Protein backbone atom coordinates (compact mmCIF):
# COMPACT_ATOMS: atom_id res chain seq x y z
CA UNK A 1 397.61 70.04 86.57
CA UNK A 2 401.37 70.21 87.17
CA UNK A 3 403.64 70.57 84.15
CA UNK A 4 406.61 68.23 83.57
CA UNK A 5 409.69 69.07 81.50
CA UNK A 6 411.19 66.00 79.82
CA UNK A 7 414.62 66.76 78.39
CA UNK A 8 416.18 64.01 76.34
CA UNK A 9 416.20 61.73 73.36
CA UNK A 10 413.85 60.62 70.65
CA UNK A 11 414.37 57.67 68.34
CA UNK A 12 412.64 55.93 65.50
CA UNK A 13 412.28 52.30 66.56
CA UNK A 14 413.00 49.74 63.86
CA UNK A 15 411.58 46.63 65.51
CA UNK A 16 412.30 43.13 64.22
CA UNK A 17 410.59 40.18 65.89
CA UNK A 18 413.06 37.29 65.56
CA UNK A 19 413.09 33.56 66.23
CA UNK A 20 416.78 33.90 67.06
CA UNK A 21 419.66 36.24 66.27
CA UNK A 22 421.75 35.33 63.20
CA UNK A 23 425.29 34.09 63.62
CA UNK A 24 428.18 35.99 62.02
CA UNK A 25 427.83 35.77 58.24
CA UNK A 26 424.37 34.18 58.47
CA UNK A 27 421.16 35.55 56.97
CA UNK A 28 417.84 34.65 58.59
CA UNK A 29 414.25 35.48 57.79
CA UNK A 30 412.38 37.25 60.59
CA UNK A 31 408.62 36.84 60.92
CA UNK A 32 407.66 40.48 61.55
CA UNK A 33 408.91 44.08 61.30
CA UNK A 34 407.40 47.30 62.70
CA UNK A 35 408.47 50.97 62.57
CA UNK A 36 407.55 53.00 65.63
CA UNK A 37 408.47 56.08 67.60
CA UNK A 38 410.73 55.63 70.61
CA UNK A 39 413.80 56.95 72.42
CA UNK A 40 413.94 57.09 76.19
CA UNK A 41 413.09 60.79 76.42
CA UNK A 42 410.16 60.54 74.03
CA UNK A 43 408.95 57.32 75.66
CA UNK A 44 408.89 58.92 79.09
CA UNK A 45 407.21 62.05 77.73
CA UNK A 46 404.54 59.94 76.00
CA UNK A 47 403.96 57.78 79.10
CA UNK A 48 403.56 60.87 81.28
CA UNK A 49 401.19 62.48 78.77
CA UNK A 50 399.14 59.28 78.31
CA UNK A 51 398.57 59.16 82.06
CA UNK A 52 397.33 62.75 82.06
CA UNK A 53 400.38 64.97 82.56
CA UNK A 54 401.00 68.32 80.88
CA UNK A 55 404.37 67.68 79.21
CA UNK A 56 406.98 70.02 77.71
CA UNK A 57 409.50 68.02 75.67
CA UNK A 58 412.94 69.37 74.75
CA UNK A 59 414.83 67.37 72.12
CA UNK A 60 416.39 67.48 68.66
CA UNK A 61 415.40 65.65 65.46
CA UNK A 62 417.21 65.31 62.15
CA UNK A 63 416.38 66.81 58.78
CA UNK A 64 415.35 63.45 57.29
CA UNK A 65 412.08 61.65 56.57
CA UNK A 66 411.67 60.60 60.21
CA UNK A 67 411.52 64.08 61.77
CA UNK A 68 407.96 65.06 60.84
CA UNK A 69 406.69 61.64 61.90
CA UNK A 70 408.34 62.10 65.30
CA UNK A 71 406.94 65.60 65.84
CA UNK A 72 403.44 64.60 64.74
CA UNK A 73 403.49 61.58 67.04
CA UNK A 74 404.37 63.78 70.03
CA UNK A 75 401.70 66.33 69.18
CA UNK A 76 399.08 63.60 68.80
CA UNK A 77 399.72 62.72 72.46
CA UNK A 78 399.21 66.36 73.51
CA UNK A 79 402.89 67.12 74.17
CA UNK A 80 404.21 70.67 73.81
CA UNK A 81 406.76 70.45 70.97
CA UNK A 82 407.91 74.08 70.99
CA UNK A 83 411.48 72.93 71.67
CA UNK A 84 411.50 69.85 69.43
CA UNK A 85 413.79 71.33 66.79
CA UNK A 86 415.46 70.07 63.62
CA UNK A 87 419.26 69.88 63.36
CA UNK A 88 420.38 70.39 59.76
CA UNK A 89 422.89 67.87 58.45
CA UNK A 90 422.03 65.21 61.04
CA UNK A 91 419.93 62.08 60.80
CA UNK A 92 417.21 61.51 63.32
CA UNK A 93 418.05 59.04 66.07
CA UNK A 94 417.20 55.44 65.25
CA UNK A 95 417.04 52.30 67.37
CA UNK A 96 417.06 48.87 65.72
CA UNK A 97 415.32 46.56 68.22
CA UNK A 98 415.28 42.78 68.10
CA UNK A 99 412.49 41.14 70.08
CA UNK A 100 413.07 37.50 70.98
CA UNK A 101 410.39 34.80 71.40
CA UNK A 102 410.59 35.02 75.21
CA UNK A 103 409.66 38.77 74.95
CA UNK A 104 413.15 39.98 75.89
CA UNK A 105 414.91 42.34 73.52
CA UNK A 106 418.29 43.50 72.20
CA UNK A 107 418.70 47.13 71.13
CA UNK A 108 421.19 49.22 69.13
CA UNK A 109 421.15 53.03 69.37
CA UNK A 110 422.30 55.56 66.76
CA UNK A 111 421.90 58.97 68.44
CA UNK A 112 421.96 61.17 65.33
CA UNK A 113 420.50 64.63 66.04
CA UNK A 114 420.16 63.76 69.73
CA UNK A 115 423.84 64.68 69.98
CA UNK A 116 422.88 68.29 69.20
CA UNK A 117 421.01 68.76 72.47
CA UNK A 118 423.36 70.81 74.69
CA UNK A 119 423.56 73.36 77.49
CA UNK A 120 422.40 76.12 75.14
CA UNK A 121 419.25 74.09 74.46
CA UNK A 122 418.41 74.24 78.16
CA UNK A 123 418.93 77.98 78.41
CA UNK A 124 416.88 78.55 75.28
CA UNK A 125 413.91 76.92 77.02
CA UNK A 126 414.63 78.43 80.45
CA UNK A 127 411.46 80.50 80.81
CA UNK A 128 409.24 77.50 80.06
CA UNK A 129 411.23 75.01 82.15
CA UNK A 130 410.90 77.31 85.18
CA UNK A 131 407.13 76.84 85.02
CA UNK A 132 407.48 73.07 85.47
CA UNK A 133 407.08 71.05 88.66
CA UNK A 134 409.62 68.38 87.70
CA UNK A 135 412.50 67.89 85.23
CA UNK A 136 412.92 64.36 83.86
CA UNK A 137 416.25 63.26 82.31
CA UNK A 138 417.94 60.18 80.79
CA UNK A 139 421.38 59.44 79.32
CA UNK A 140 420.67 59.00 75.60
CA UNK A 141 421.85 62.57 74.91
CA UNK A 142 425.19 64.27 75.52
CA UNK A 143 426.18 64.55 79.18
CA UNK A 144 426.64 68.30 78.70
CA UNK A 145 422.86 68.64 78.34
CA UNK A 146 422.14 66.33 81.28
CA UNK A 147 424.47 68.18 83.65
CA UNK A 148 423.18 71.56 82.47
CA UNK A 149 419.62 70.49 83.18
CA UNK A 150 420.55 69.20 86.65
CA UNK A 151 422.29 72.48 87.44
CA UNK A 152 419.31 74.43 86.09
CA UNK A 153 416.94 72.53 88.36
CA UNK A 154 419.18 73.10 91.38
CA UNK A 155 419.47 76.85 90.69
CA UNK A 156 415.75 77.31 90.22
CA UNK A 157 414.61 74.87 92.93
CA UNK A 158 412.89 72.54 90.48
CA UNK A 159 413.06 68.83 91.44
CA UNK A 160 415.08 66.71 89.00
CA UNK A 161 414.63 63.00 88.21
CA UNK A 162 417.35 61.12 86.34
CA UNK A 163 416.81 57.72 84.79
CA UNK A 164 420.51 56.74 84.27
CA UNK A 165 420.02 54.77 81.09
CA UNK A 166 421.84 53.71 79.04
CA UNK A 167 424.11 53.23 82.04
CA UNK A 168 427.39 55.16 82.37
CA UNK A 169 429.88 54.30 85.10
CA UNK A 170 431.73 57.58 85.54
CA UNK A 171 428.92 60.08 86.07
CA UNK A 172 429.92 63.34 87.72
CA UNK A 173 429.36 62.88 91.46
CA UNK A 174 428.72 66.58 92.03
CA UNK A 175 425.85 66.50 89.53
CA UNK A 176 424.47 63.23 90.85
CA UNK A 177 424.46 64.68 94.35
CA UNK A 178 422.01 67.38 93.24
CA UNK A 179 419.32 64.91 92.16
CA UNK A 180 415.96 64.64 93.86
CA UNK A 181 415.28 61.24 92.26
CA UNK A 182 417.59 58.66 90.73
CA UNK A 183 415.62 55.84 89.08
CA UNK A 184 417.96 53.03 87.88
CA UNK A 185 417.34 49.37 87.24
CA UNK A 186 419.55 46.86 89.04
CA UNK A 187 422.28 46.84 86.39
CA UNK A 188 422.45 50.63 86.28
CA UNK A 189 422.45 50.88 90.07
CA UNK A 190 425.40 48.50 90.29
CA UNK A 191 427.37 50.38 87.65
CA UNK A 192 426.78 53.82 89.17
CA UNK A 193 427.38 52.76 92.78
CA UNK A 194 430.31 50.46 91.97
CA UNK A 195 428.69 47.84 94.20
CA UNK A 196 427.21 44.41 93.46
CA UNK A 197 423.42 44.32 93.18
CA UNK A 198 422.32 40.71 93.44
CA UNK A 199 419.59 40.73 96.08
CA UNK A 200 417.18 43.05 97.86
CA UNK A 201 419.72 43.69 100.58
CA UNK A 202 422.59 44.51 98.23
CA UNK A 203 420.22 46.78 96.29
CA UNK A 204 419.47 48.63 99.52
CA UNK A 205 423.17 48.99 100.30
CA UNK A 206 423.96 50.35 96.83
CA UNK A 207 421.08 52.82 97.06
CA UNK A 208 422.22 53.97 100.51
CA UNK A 209 425.71 54.59 99.10
CA UNK A 210 424.20 56.98 96.56
CA UNK A 211 422.21 58.75 99.27
CA UNK A 212 425.51 59.31 101.05
CA UNK A 213 426.69 61.17 97.94
CA UNK A 214 423.75 63.57 98.10
CA UNK A 215 420.95 61.93 96.09
CA UNK A 216 417.70 62.55 97.97
CA UNK A 217 415.72 59.54 96.78
CA UNK A 218 416.66 56.34 94.92
CA UNK A 219 414.01 54.18 93.29
CA UNK A 220 415.43 50.92 91.94
CA UNK A 221 413.20 49.08 89.48
CA UNK A 222 413.31 45.32 90.02
CA UNK A 223 411.31 43.76 87.19
CA UNK A 224 408.84 41.18 88.46
CA UNK A 225 409.76 42.10 92.07
CA UNK A 226 408.44 45.66 91.60
CA UNK A 227 410.46 48.62 92.84
CA UNK A 228 412.57 49.47 95.90
CA UNK A 229 412.61 52.91 97.49
CA UNK A 230 415.49 54.18 99.64
CA UNK A 231 415.44 57.85 100.52
CA UNK A 232 414.49 60.69 102.80
CA UNK A 233 411.15 59.11 103.65
CA UNK A 234 412.55 55.71 104.63
CA UNK A 235 412.81 52.40 102.80
CA UNK A 236 410.18 50.13 101.27
CA UNK A 237 409.38 47.80 98.39
CA UNK A 238 406.35 48.17 96.15
CA UNK A 239 405.67 44.59 95.02
CA UNK A 240 405.40 43.79 91.34
CA UNK A 241 402.51 42.01 89.71
CA UNK A 242 402.58 39.06 87.33
CA UNK A 243 401.21 39.39 83.82
CA UNK A 244 401.52 37.52 80.57
CA UNK A 245 404.31 39.53 78.96
CA UNK A 246 404.32 40.00 75.19
CA UNK A 247 407.03 42.65 74.71
CA UNK A 248 409.06 44.28 77.50
CA UNK A 249 410.50 47.04 75.28
CA UNK A 250 410.06 50.45 76.94
CA UNK A 251 408.67 49.13 80.22
CA UNK A 252 411.21 51.04 82.31
CA UNK A 253 410.30 54.26 80.49
CA UNK A 254 406.63 53.57 81.18
CA UNK A 255 407.49 53.35 84.88
CA UNK A 256 409.40 56.66 84.86
CA UNK A 257 406.78 58.58 82.90
CA UNK A 258 403.91 57.35 85.04
CA UNK A 259 405.82 58.00 88.28
CA UNK A 260 406.64 61.53 87.13
CA UNK A 261 403.01 62.26 86.35
CA UNK A 262 401.60 61.09 89.67
CA UNK A 263 404.41 62.37 91.88
CA UNK A 264 404.32 65.84 90.31
CA UNK A 265 400.59 65.99 91.10
CA UNK A 266 400.56 64.53 94.62
CA UNK A 267 404.14 64.53 95.98
CA UNK A 268 403.27 61.06 97.33
CA UNK A 269 406.26 58.86 96.43
CA UNK A 270 404.79 55.52 97.49
CA UNK A 271 401.47 56.07 95.72
CA UNK A 272 403.25 57.22 92.56
CA UNK A 273 405.46 54.12 92.66
CA UNK A 274 402.41 51.88 93.02
CA UNK A 275 400.83 53.44 89.94
CA UNK A 276 404.10 53.19 88.02
CA UNK A 277 404.54 49.47 88.78
CA UNK A 278 401.01 48.81 87.50
CA UNK A 279 401.48 50.98 84.42
CA UNK A 280 404.75 49.35 83.41
CA UNK A 281 403.20 45.90 83.89
CA UNK A 282 400.28 46.90 81.69
CA UNK A 283 402.70 48.08 79.00
CA UNK A 284 404.34 44.66 78.56
CA UNK A 285 401.02 43.02 77.72
CA UNK A 286 401.05 44.68 74.27
CA UNK A 287 403.57 44.90 71.43
CA UNK A 288 405.76 47.89 70.75
CA UNK A 289 407.08 50.71 72.86
CA UNK A 290 404.91 53.82 72.91
CA UNK A 291 402.10 51.87 71.23
CA UNK A 292 401.92 49.70 74.35
CA UNK A 293 401.38 52.64 76.73
CA UNK A 294 397.70 52.76 77.74
CA UNK A 295 395.62 55.91 78.01
CA UNK A 296 393.79 56.57 81.32
CA UNK A 297 390.73 54.53 80.28
CA UNK A 298 392.71 51.46 79.23
CA UNK A 299 394.88 51.75 82.32
CA UNK A 300 391.80 51.83 84.53
CA UNK A 301 390.39 48.77 82.74
CA UNK A 302 393.69 46.96 83.29
CA UNK A 303 393.64 47.71 87.02
CA UNK A 304 390.05 46.53 87.31
CA UNK A 305 390.87 43.32 85.44
CA UNK A 306 393.58 42.42 87.93
CA UNK A 307 391.09 42.06 90.74
CA UNK A 308 388.62 40.09 88.62
CA UNK A 309 390.92 37.82 86.62
CA UNK A 310 394.36 37.14 88.14
CA UNK A 311 397.00 36.83 85.43
CA UNK A 312 399.27 33.77 85.14
CA UNK A 313 402.76 34.08 86.49
CA UNK A 314 404.98 35.63 83.85
CA UNK A 315 407.18 38.66 83.62
CA UNK A 316 406.33 42.08 84.99
CA UNK A 317 408.02 45.22 83.90
CA UNK A 318 409.32 47.82 86.31
């Protein structure tokens, strides 16, 4: 089994299911509230682990009541938490999430201790990262840590995957050019490339522009349309599937974590994308973020159900 290093954020999700968002100065009653574990780094680590990967997670938590819950949750999924460390004087990261009746969501992020992850954090874990087959990154931590991890991967010939979310327009082109995989959604791809992304063709053009800057492979997630690959092996689309969506929160992270697991094992990009599209679609059929990520048995049952009982047209999740 190949080992994956996920370097990034963790959050405590404070999820409110709302009938609508309140207007300024208005107070509304919401029908349901749930506390869960989230954060893009932790989500991707959990998704990779739930699909069978051996995961090393490097992150920072606060010294508040949420930290032990976060660490225990990671350990319960079999993740190596050697480098999940507390930052004194900082709160843990939190993410208030508002889920609307149509299953779409609005999210706020308070980074807290995630801001303490830096270049020194990467070097501290250097010996263990070097044993990994893939480094997975996002943008919910300081860019110093992201760039240090990209440089580390380049120096030690370890493939690096960046999910550029939350999107940032002015990413360092030299660092981006060192990536083996860039996995944006359409909005993120448009922002990073500086090009409109409104159709399959414009998505291809934007992805090609990033390849011209050095990125080896771009995988653009397209929601119900699936995912588009543009890279060293050619260009193709892995079609999405239709499911009855309940909650789309964390679906993109499910895609990344699942892709990382299967690609690190097989080095087969298309096959890993196919698994990731299915896994992210499965995740939106349940409530919550990490709680919606199926283990291998549930994922297998989901795949088998697709052939037996086609789902009604709704929203998929890549």
